[in-house]
Amino acid sequence: MQRAKKNLEQSKVRIAKYTNQKRRPAELFQEGDLVLVSSQNINLPQGLSPKFNHRFYGPYKVLKSYNDITYKLELPPQINIHNAFPVSLLKRFAQDSTYGRNVPEYVKDGPPNEPETILKSRFGRRGQLFYVKWRNRPMTECTWVPEEIMLRLGRPLVLRFYNMPTEEEDIDQHDTT
């Protein structure tokens, strides 16, 4: 029995040693500090890939520390997510950080920004892709969108891109004759 207890203790020590090798101590924040929030648990609407999502959003101000693990942040009122985050999802904001971004419109308002225009197209492994400029977004945030998603989001833009009349234009042509 003593031998089993001794082996169990040695096993615990060994497991703790290897587990803690790659761990880093949790970063502590003070009230008023600016932090970035990981986009890890921010839900995207169906059809938008998390691959193209920003890794962090913010900066947001720390309002309160519940303990050394959980912090309450000052989020804009239009964002419909809880304002308490574990320290593992927070990162200190550096003034020269390129991660500082606002939470995307589709998290605030529900549906994603609508496409403004199609700039070009190409064939990918899974079919036709369109390079889309989004309304109220800079040109640096244009993305490649699969045809099936683009037909749901902006069918008239796809038809216009191929110089085909949209349903409205087709109806107008039939009415004038």
Protein backbone atom coordinates (compact mmCIF):
# COMPACT_ATOMS: atom_id res chain seq x y z
CA MET A 1 0.00 0.00 0.00
CA GLN A 2 2.84 2.39 0.84
CA ARG A 3 4.50 1.62 -2.46
CA ALA A 4 1.30 2.47 -4.39
CA LYS A 5 0.99 5.82 -2.57
CA LYS A 6 4.64 6.61 -3.26
CA ASN A 7 4.24 5.77 -6.98
CA LEU A 8 1.08 7.89 -7.16
CA GLU A 9 2.88 10.89 -5.64
CA GLN A 10 5.82 10.49 -8.04
CA SER A 11 3.37 10.28 -10.93
CA LYS A 12 1.65 13.53 -9.84
CA VAL A 13 4.99 15.33 -9.60
CA ARG A 14 6.06 14.08 -13.04
CA ILE A 15 2.75 15.07 -14.66
CA ALA A 16 2.87 18.53 -13.07
CA LYS A 17 6.46 19.03 -14.25
CA TYR A 18 5.68 18.30 -17.91
CA THR A 19 2.34 20.10 -17.87
CA ASN A 20 3.80 23.30 -16.44
CA GLN A 21 6.78 23.40 -18.83
CA LYS A 22 4.89 25.34 -21.52
CA ARG A 23 2.59 27.32 -19.27
CA ARG A 24 3.17 30.97 -18.70
CA PRO A 25 1.95 32.93 -15.71
CA ALA A 26 -1.34 34.75 -16.24
CA GLU A 27 -0.92 38.42 -17.07
CA LEU A 28 -2.41 40.72 -14.44
CA PHE A 29 -4.34 43.83 -15.49
CA GLN A 30 -5.29 46.91 -13.49
CA GLU A 31 -8.48 48.97 -13.76
CA GLY A 32 -8.11 51.37 -16.68
CA ASP A 33 -5.68 49.20 -18.67
CA LEU A 34 -6.42 48.71 -22.36
CA VAL A 35 -6.72 45.10 -23.51
CA LEU A 36 -7.53 43.20 -26.67
CA VAL A 37 -10.18 40.46 -26.68
CA SER A 38 -9.58 37.20 -28.52
CA SER A 39 -12.06 36.46 -31.30
CA GLN A 40 -11.91 32.77 -30.38
CA ASN A 41 -15.47 32.63 -28.97
CA ILE A 42 -17.13 35.26 -31.17
CA ASN A 43 -19.68 33.52 -33.35
CA LEU A 44 -19.69 34.23 -37.06
CA PRO A 45 -22.77 33.96 -39.25
CA GLN A 46 -23.05 30.86 -41.39
CA GLY A 47 -20.93 31.05 -44.52
CA LEU A 48 -18.18 33.28 -43.12
CA SER A 49 -14.97 31.45 -42.39
CA PRO A 50 -13.24 32.00 -39.03
CA LYS A 51 -10.00 31.65 -40.98
CA PHE A 52 -10.37 35.24 -42.20
CA ASN A 53 -11.53 36.62 -38.86
CA HIS A 54 -9.22 38.92 -36.92
CA ARG A 55 -7.52 37.24 -33.98
CA PHE A 56 -8.12 40.08 -31.51
CA TYR A 57 -10.56 42.98 -31.23
CA GLY A 58 -10.28 46.12 -29.19
CA PRO A 59 -8.78 47.90 -27.40
CA TYR A 60 -11.25 47.88 -24.52
CA LYS A 61 -10.85 49.35 -21.05
CA VAL A 62 -10.70 47.11 -17.96
CA LEU A 63 -13.47 48.22 -15.59
CA LYS A 64 -13.10 45.71 -12.79
CA SER A 65 -11.15 42.66 -11.73
CA TYR A 66 -13.35 39.95 -10.23
CA ASN A 67 -10.22 38.00 -9.34
CA ASP A 68 -6.87 37.44 -11.04
CA ILE A 69 -8.56 35.25 -13.64
CA THR A 70 -11.69 37.16 -14.74
CA TYR A 71 -12.01 40.79 -15.84
CA LYS A 72 -14.98 43.01 -16.67
CA LEU A 73 -14.46 45.17 -19.77
CA GLU A 74 -16.11 48.32 -21.09
CA LEU A 75 -17.64 47.13 -24.37
CA PRO A 76 -19.70 49.27 -26.75
CA PRO A 77 -23.44 48.91 -25.99
CA GLN A 78 -24.30 47.61 -29.47
CA ILE A 79 -22.18 44.48 -28.99
CA ASN A 80 -24.39 41.70 -27.71
CA ILE A 81 -21.81 39.66 -25.82
CA HIS A 82 -21.14 39.36 -22.10
CA ASN A 83 -18.52 41.79 -20.80
CA ALA A 84 -16.65 39.41 -18.44
CA PHE A 85 -13.68 37.56 -19.92
CA PRO A 86 -11.10 35.11 -18.56
CA VAL A 87 -7.51 36.29 -18.67
CA SER A 88 -6.70 33.57 -21.22
CA LEU A 89 -8.76 35.49 -23.83
CA LEU A 90 -7.17 38.87 -23.09
CA LYS A 91 -3.96 40.46 -24.29
CA ARG A 92 -2.39 43.75 -23.25
CA PHE A 93 -2.84 46.45 -25.90
CA ALA A 94 0.37 48.03 -27.16
CA GLN A 95 0.07 51.43 -28.84
CA ASP A 96 1.90 50.18 -31.94
CA SER A 97 -0.20 47.01 -32.09
CA THR A 98 -1.68 46.02 -35.44
CA TYR A 99 -4.33 43.93 -33.67
CA GLY A 100 -6.44 46.88 -32.60
CA ARG A 101 -9.71 46.49 -34.51
CA ASN A 102 -13.34 47.12 -33.77
CA VAL A 103 -15.67 44.19 -33.46
CA PRO A 104 -17.12 43.55 -36.91
CA GLU A 105 -20.56 44.84 -37.85
CA TYR A 106 -22.04 41.35 -38.10
CA VAL A 107 -21.40 40.81 -34.40
CA LYS A 108 -23.03 44.15 -33.55
CA ASP A 109 -26.02 44.14 -35.88
CA GLY A 110 -26.55 40.51 -36.80
CA PRO A 111 -26.14 40.11 -40.58
CA PRO A 112 -22.78 40.75 -42.22
CA ASN A 113 -22.02 43.83 -44.27
CA GLU A 114 -23.52 43.60 -47.67
CA PRO A 115 -21.31 43.32 -50.75
CA GLU A 116 -20.81 46.58 -52.64
CA THR A 117 -19.20 45.34 -55.84
CA ILE A 118 -17.38 42.39 -57.36
CA LEU A 119 -13.89 43.37 -58.45
CA LYS A 120 -12.70 40.17 -60.14
CA SER A 121 -13.21 36.42 -60.21
CA ARG A 122 -11.20 33.23 -60.45
CA PHE A 123 -11.68 29.49 -60.33
CA GLY A 124 -10.59 27.73 -57.16
CA ARG A 125 -10.60 24.09 -56.16
CA ARG A 126 -14.25 24.23 -55.21
CA GLY A 127 -15.51 26.36 -58.07
CA GLN A 128 -15.94 30.03 -58.90
CA LEU A 129 -14.67 32.63 -56.41
CA PHE A 130 -15.44 36.36 -56.43
CA TYR A 131 -13.20 39.08 -55.00
CA VAL A 132 -15.73 41.25 -53.15
CA LYS A 133 -15.52 44.85 -51.92
CA TRP A 134 -17.79 45.13 -48.85
CA ARG A 135 -19.94 48.20 -48.16
CA ASN A 136 -18.50 50.49 -45.44
CA ARG A 137 -15.20 48.58 -45.45
CA PRO A 138 -11.80 49.71 -46.78
CA MET A 139 -10.29 48.11 -49.89
CA THR A 140 -7.80 46.29 -47.65
CA GLU A 141 -10.65 44.13 -46.32
CA CYS A 142 -11.82 42.74 -49.67
CA THR A 143 -12.23 38.97 -49.58
CA TRP A 144 -12.62 35.98 -51.89
CA VAL A 145 -16.15 34.61 -51.58
CA PRO A 146 -17.44 31.31 -53.07
CA GLU A 147 -20.11 31.59 -55.77
CA GLU A 148 -22.86 29.88 -53.75
CA ILE A 149 -22.45 32.36 -50.88
CA MET A 150 -22.26 35.29 -53.26
CA LEU A 151 -25.49 34.21 -54.96
CA ARG A 152 -27.20 34.31 -51.55
CA LEU A 153 -25.69 37.65 -50.51
CA GLY A 154 -25.71 39.58 -53.77
CA ARG A 155 -27.24 37.81 -56.76
CA PRO A 156 -27.73 41.10 -58.72
CA LEU A 157 -24.01 41.86 -58.33
CA VAL A 158 -23.09 38.46 -59.79
CA LEU A 159 -25.44 38.98 -62.75
CA ARG A 160 -24.09 42.51 -63.30
CA PHE A 161 -20.52 41.16 -63.13
CA TYR A 162 -21.34 38.80 -66.01
CA ASN A 163 -23.17 41.64 -67.89
CA MET A 164 -26.47 39.82 -67.55
CA PRO A 165 -29.68 41.72 -66.72
CA THR A 166 -30.89 41.44 -63.14
CA GLU A 167 -34.51 40.48 -62.44
CA GLU A 168 -35.49 44.16 -62.03
CA GLU A 169 -33.77 45.16 -65.28
CA ASP A 170 -35.34 42.19 -67.08
CA ILE A 171 -38.84 43.20 -65.91
CA ASP A 172 -38.21 46.82 -66.99
CA GLN A 173 -37.17 45.68 -70.48
CA HIS A 174 -40.35 43.59 -70.88
CA ASP A 175 -42.56 46.46 -69.68
CA THR A 176 -41.16 48.97 -72.21
CA THR A 177 -41.82 46.75 -75.25
